[in-house]
């Protein structure tokens, strides 16, 4: 943790928090990813993975759970519900996101998005996407009752980024709709978002992407990547740091008590 006033860094954890040394392959280490402060700033949620620098690290091999650290005591508890996903054991759990009321944690796996309570005792598979277009990625909470997510689409059996959509998922009704904010950019940008706002203005050209919010502006130059002779135009992932305007949040998303999540399966 870095103190922004003093610039002093403090190590929050050392040693293995989940995987035993005997469970790791030679040269493999336990690593921590995607730390997120709880709304009251007393806890930190993060993902636990394994990593072998000399190996091809795919999501399935590096699967691990979500954990929560008490920042005062430095004690860590692994969320048990994230150790067994759909009866298949660990997944590549990543991007934990706290609900605004601090009662729930939304996270992604390699095959979907899930919600657990902050104690890690229950799990809900959001079952986003379809058999044909299964690839989805949760982006953020909207109030306590809705989730913003990316839906990818395929054309002739191949992913088609030009058809990617950002959708709003109602946790009470399990239905999706297009949000007030339309995000006209490819999926590899949307997956970098943590917060989004209809007060953010996004402008694309063939060379740059400009993101404007009140008082702030980012200009992101595009680059081309050479991928087996294919050179797509790629923008760096960016976070839009802004809040949803209350008027733009559907009423059903604002449930202060998170009652729409009371029953998780």
Protein backbone atom coordinates (compact mmCIF):
# COMPACT_ATOMS: atom_id res chain seq x y z
CA UNK A 1 0.00 0.00 0.00
CA UNK A 2 1.28 3.47 -0.95
CA UNK A 3 0.52 6.44 1.31
CA UNK A 4 -0.20 9.27 -1.13
CA UNK A 5 0.82 11.92 1.41
CA UNK A 6 4.12 10.47 2.64
CA UNK A 7 4.90 8.23 -0.37
CA UNK A 8 5.75 5.45 2.09
CA UNK A 9 5.03 1.93 0.88
CA UNK A 10 3.92 -0.88 3.18
CA UNK A 11 3.83 -4.56 2.26
CA UNK A 12 0.44 -5.97 3.16
CA UNK A 13 1.14 -9.67 2.75
CA UNK A 14 4.01 -12.09 2.35
CA UNK A 15 4.29 -15.84 2.05
CA UNK A 16 1.56 -18.08 0.69
CA UNK A 17 -2.01 -17.17 1.64
CA UNK A 18 -3.80 -20.04 -0.10
CA UNK A 19 -1.64 -22.48 -2.05
CA UNK A 20 0.71 -24.69 -0.07
CA UNK A 21 4.29 -24.85 -1.28
CA UNK A 22 3.82 -28.59 -1.96
CA UNK A 23 0.93 -27.78 -4.35
CA UNK A 24 3.05 -25.53 -6.58
CA UNK A 25 5.16 -26.75 -9.46
CA UNK A 26 8.89 -26.00 -9.57
CA UNK A 27 9.42 -22.27 -10.10
CA UNK A 28 5.72 -21.54 -9.61
CA UNK A 29 4.70 -18.82 -7.16
CA UNK A 30 1.51 -17.48 -5.61
CA UNK A 31 0.57 -14.00 -6.85
CA UNK A 32 -2.11 -11.44 -5.97
CA UNK A 33 -4.11 -9.38 -8.41
CA UNK A 34 -6.86 -6.75 -8.80
CA UNK A 35 -6.96 -5.29 -5.25
CA UNK A 36 -10.14 -3.31 -4.52
CA UNK A 37 -10.95 -1.30 -1.38
CA UNK A 38 -14.31 -1.96 0.27
CA UNK A 39 -16.66 1.05 0.39
CA UNK A 40 -15.76 1.70 4.05
CA UNK A 41 -12.03 1.38 3.22
CA UNK A 42 -11.55 -1.18 6.01
CA UNK A 43 -11.06 -4.22 3.79
CA UNK A 44 -9.34 -5.15 0.55
CA UNK A 45 -10.65 -7.77 -1.88
CA UNK A 46 -8.16 -9.36 -4.27
CA UNK A 47 -7.62 -12.39 -6.46
CA UNK A 48 -5.12 -15.16 -5.70
CA UNK A 49 -3.48 -16.90 -8.65
CA UNK A 50 -0.40 -18.93 -9.41
CA UNK A 51 2.30 -17.95 -11.86
CA UNK A 52 5.21 -19.70 -13.49
CA UNK A 53 7.40 -17.22 -15.40
CA UNK A 54 8.83 -19.95 -17.59
CA UNK A 55 5.50 -21.41 -18.60
CA UNK A 56 2.51 -20.44 -20.74
CA UNK A 57 0.18 -19.13 -18.07
CA UNK A 58 -3.37 -19.81 -19.18
CA UNK A 59 -6.40 -18.97 -17.07
CA UNK A 60 -7.37 -22.54 -16.22
CA UNK A 61 -3.91 -23.57 -14.99
CA UNK A 62 -3.58 -20.39 -12.93
CA UNK A 63 -7.02 -20.58 -11.33
CA UNK A 64 -7.51 -19.35 -7.78
CA UNK A 65 -10.06 -17.83 -5.39
CA UNK A 66 -10.99 -14.36 -4.17
CA UNK A 67 -9.78 -13.30 -0.71
CA UNK A 68 -10.52 -10.38 1.62
CA UNK A 69 -7.97 -8.71 3.91
CA UNK A 70 -8.83 -6.75 7.04
CA UNK A 71 -6.55 -3.74 6.63
CA UNK A 72 -6.29 -3.08 10.35
CA UNK A 73 -5.28 -6.59 11.45
CA UNK A 74 -3.83 -7.75 8.08
CA UNK A 75 -5.75 -11.00 8.54
CA UNK A 76 -6.84 -12.68 5.31
CA UNK A 77 -9.84 -14.91 4.71
CA UNK A 78 -10.41 -16.80 1.48
CA UNK A 79 -14.02 -16.60 0.29
CA UNK A 80 -15.03 -20.27 0.35
CA UNK A 81 -17.75 -19.82 -2.24
CA UNK A 82 -15.11 -18.85 -4.81
CA UNK A 83 -13.27 -22.15 -4.37
CA UNK A 84 -16.00 -24.19 -6.07
CA UNK A 85 -17.56 -22.64 -9.17
CA UNK A 86 -20.55 -24.55 -10.55
CA UNK A 87 -19.22 -27.71 -8.92
CA UNK A 88 -16.04 -27.58 -10.99
CA UNK A 89 -13.64 -26.26 -8.34
CA UNK A 90 -11.49 -23.15 -8.80
CA UNK A 91 -11.82 -20.78 -11.72
CA UNK A 92 -9.60 -17.87 -12.78
CA UNK A 93 -11.43 -15.53 -10.38
CA UNK A 94 -10.53 -11.91 -11.13
CA UNK A 95 -11.64 -8.28 -10.93
CA UNK A 96 -13.48 -8.39 -7.57
CA UNK A 97 -15.87 -5.43 -7.27
CA UNK A 98 -17.72 -4.45 -4.08
CA UNK A 99 -21.37 -3.51 -4.16
CA UNK A 100 -21.97 0.08 -2.98
CA UNK A 101 -23.38 -1.19 0.33
CA UNK A 102 -20.33 -3.42 0.88
CA UNK A 103 -22.40 -6.60 1.29
CA UNK A 104 -21.59 -8.33 -2.00
CA UNK A 105 -18.62 -8.92 -4.29
CA UNK A 106 -18.96 -9.26 -8.05
CA UNK A 107 -16.16 -11.03 -9.90
CA UNK A 108 -15.32 -12.60 -13.25
CA UNK A 109 -14.15 -16.09 -14.19
CA UNK A 110 -12.88 -17.30 -17.53
CA UNK A 111 -16.42 -18.48 -18.30
CA UNK A 112 -18.75 -15.90 -16.78
CA UNK A 113 -19.51 -13.54 -13.89
CA UNK A 114 -20.52 -14.40 -10.34
CA UNK A 115 -21.58 -12.72 -7.09
CA UNK A 116 -20.73 -13.85 -3.57
CA UNK A 117 -21.62 -12.30 -0.25
CA UNK A 118 -18.76 -10.49 1.50
CA UNK A 119 -18.31 -13.47 3.86
CA UNK A 120 -17.97 -15.90 0.95
CA UNK A 121 -20.77 -18.25 2.06
CA UNK A 122 -23.01 -18.12 -1.03
CA UNK A 123 -22.58 -17.84 -4.77
CA UNK A 124 -24.76 -16.69 -7.65
CA UNK A 125 -23.96 -17.45 -11.27
CA UNK A 126 -25.27 -14.49 -13.26
CA UNK A 127 -25.61 -16.70 -16.35
CA UNK A 128 -24.93 -13.85 -18.74
CA UNK A 129 -24.68 -14.49 -22.45
CA UNK A 130 -26.07 -17.33 -24.54
CA UNK A 131 -24.82 -20.66 -25.88
CA UNK A 132 -23.96 -18.92 -29.15
CA UNK A 133 -22.46 -15.78 -27.58
CA UNK A 134 -21.13 -17.04 -24.28
CA UNK A 135 -18.23 -14.62 -23.72
CA UNK A 136 -19.19 -11.94 -21.18
CA UNK A 137 -17.30 -9.74 -18.74
CA UNK A 138 -18.74 -7.86 -15.74
CA UNK A 139 -17.60 -4.23 -15.70
CA UNK A 140 -19.10 -2.60 -12.59
CA UNK A 141 -22.01 -2.30 -10.20
CA UNK A 142 -24.77 0.21 -10.87
CA UNK A 143 -26.38 0.80 -7.50
CA UNK A 144 -26.85 -2.36 -5.45
CA UNK A 145 -29.35 -3.89 -7.83
CA UNK A 146 -27.73 -3.91 -11.29
CA UNK A 147 -24.50 -4.89 -13.02
CA UNK A 148 -22.93 -3.36 -16.12
CA UNK A 149 -21.36 -5.99 -18.38
CA UNK A 150 -19.80 -6.53 -21.78
CA UNK A 151 -21.46 -8.96 -24.18
CA UNK A 152 -19.33 -10.24 -27.04
CA UNK A 153 -20.83 -11.58 -30.25
CA UNK A 154 -19.65 -13.98 -32.90
CA UNK A 155 -19.98 -13.97 -36.67
CA UNK A 156 -19.52 -17.25 -38.53
CA UNK A 157 -18.08 -18.82 -35.39
CA UNK A 158 -15.46 -16.09 -34.75
CA UNK A 159 -15.55 -13.21 -32.27
CA UNK A 160 -16.71 -9.98 -33.91
CA UNK A 161 -15.59 -6.98 -31.77
CA UNK A 162 -17.58 -4.60 -33.97
CA UNK A 163 -20.77 -6.08 -32.50
CA UNK A 164 -19.76 -5.96 -28.82
CA UNK A 165 -22.39 -4.45 -26.52
CA UNK A 166 -22.33 -2.98 -23.02
CA UNK A 167 -25.53 -4.00 -21.23
CA UNK A 168 -27.21 -3.41 -17.86
CA UNK A 169 -28.26 -6.55 -15.96
CA UNK A 170 -31.07 -6.34 -13.39
CA UNK A 171 -30.24 -8.68 -10.51
CA UNK A 172 -33.85 -8.89 -9.33
CA UNK A 173 -35.41 -9.80 -12.68
CA UNK A 174 -32.36 -11.43 -14.36
CA UNK A 175 -33.05 -9.34 -17.45
CA UNK A 176 -30.74 -7.16 -19.56
CA UNK A 177 -31.21 -3.81 -21.27
CA UNK A 178 -29.06 -1.23 -22.99
CA UNK A 179 -28.00 1.47 -20.49
CA UNK A 180 -28.38 5.19 -21.02
CA UNK A 181 -24.68 5.37 -21.88
CA UNK A 182 -23.78 3.87 -25.23
CA UNK A 183 -20.10 2.91 -25.38
CA UNK A 184 -18.96 2.81 -29.02
CA UNK A 185 -15.63 1.07 -28.64
CA UNK A 186 -14.24 -2.47 -28.81
CA UNK A 187 -14.43 -5.02 -26.06
CA UNK A 188 -10.77 -4.85 -25.10
CA UNK A 189 -11.41 -1.26 -24.02
CA UNK A 190 -14.66 -1.97 -22.17
CA UNK A 191 -13.02 -4.66 -20.07
CA UNK A 192 -10.69 -2.02 -18.65
CA UNK A 193 -13.55 0.06 -17.26
CA UNK A 194 -14.20 0.19 -13.55
CA UNK A 195 -16.72 3.02 -13.51
CA UNK A 196 -18.78 4.60 -16.23
CA UNK A 197 -20.95 7.63 -16.62
CA UNK A 198 -23.37 9.16 -19.05
CA UNK A 199 -21.56 12.42 -18.31
CA UNK A 200 -18.47 11.03 -20.04
CA UNK A 201 -18.10 11.85 -23.71
CA UNK A 202 -16.14 9.49 -25.94
CA UNK A 203 -14.92 10.47 -29.39
CA UNK A 204 -13.10 8.17 -31.80
CA UNK A 205 -11.09 8.90 -34.90
CA UNK A 206 -8.75 6.72 -36.93
CA UNK A 207 -5.77 7.87 -34.87
CA UNK A 208 -6.88 8.80 -31.34
CA UNK A 209 -9.57 8.23 -28.77
CA UNK A 210 -10.62 11.22 -26.66
CA UNK A 211 -12.43 10.76 -23.35
CA UNK A 212 -13.89 13.85 -21.73
CA UNK A 213 -15.57 14.24 -18.36
CA UNK A 214 -16.28 17.39 -16.42
CA UNK A 215 -12.94 19.13 -16.03
CA UNK A 216 -10.83 16.24 -17.33
CA UNK A 217 -9.76 14.98 -20.72
CA UNK A 218 -7.70 12.00 -21.83
CA UNK A 219 -6.29 11.58 -25.34
CA UNK A 220 -5.29 8.01 -26.09
CA UNK A 221 -3.17 7.49 -29.22
CA UNK A 222 -3.85 4.30 -31.12
CA UNK A 223 -1.20 1.72 -31.95
CA UNK A 224 -1.12 -1.15 -34.40
CA UNK A 225 -0.20 -4.68 -33.34
CA UNK A 226 1.26 -7.18 -35.77
CA UNK A 227 -0.56 -10.45 -35.16
CA UNK A 228 0.39 -13.04 -37.77
CA UNK A 229 0.15 -10.46 -40.53
CA UNK A 230 -3.06 -8.94 -39.14
CA UNK A 231 -2.54 -5.42 -37.82
CA UNK A 232 -5.64 -4.24 -35.91
CA UNK A 233 -5.85 -0.71 -34.50
CA UNK A 234 -5.66 -1.01 -30.72
CA UNK A 235 -6.29 1.62 -28.03
CA UNK A 236 -4.83 1.15 -24.54
CA UNK A 237 -7.32 0.12 -21.87
CA UNK A 238 -8.55 3.14 -19.91
CA UNK A 239 -10.66 3.82 -16.84
CA UNK A 240 -13.35 6.47 -16.98
CA UNK A 241 -13.31 7.90 -13.47
CA UNK A 242 -16.72 9.37 -12.83
CA UNK A 243 -19.96 8.55 -11.02
CA UNK A 244 -23.28 7.69 -12.56
CA UNK A 245 -25.61 10.66 -12.31
CA UNK A 246 -28.50 9.65 -10.00
CA UNK A 247 -31.01 10.59 -12.71
CA UNK A 248 -29.46 8.07 -15.11
CA UNK A 249 -29.66 5.05 -12.79
CA UNK A 250 -32.85 3.00 -13.20
CA UNK A 251 -34.94 2.97 -10.04
CA UNK A 252 -34.64 -0.79 -9.61
CA UNK A 253 -30.83 -0.50 -9.49
CA UNK A 254 -30.83 1.79 -6.45
CA UNK A 255 -31.91 -0.75 -3.83
CA UNK A 256 -30.10 0.56 -0.77
CA UNK A 257 -30.32 -2.75 1.10
CA UNK A 258 -29.39 -5.00 -1.80
CA UNK A 259 -32.63 -6.92 -1.25
CA UNK A 260 -32.57 -8.12 -4.83
CA UNK A 261 -29.63 -10.36 -3.86
CA UNK A 262 -31.16 -11.85 -0.75
CA UNK A 263 -31.42 -15.32 -2.29
CA UNK A 264 -28.31 -16.58 -4.06
CA UNK A 265 -28.07 -19.97 -5.71
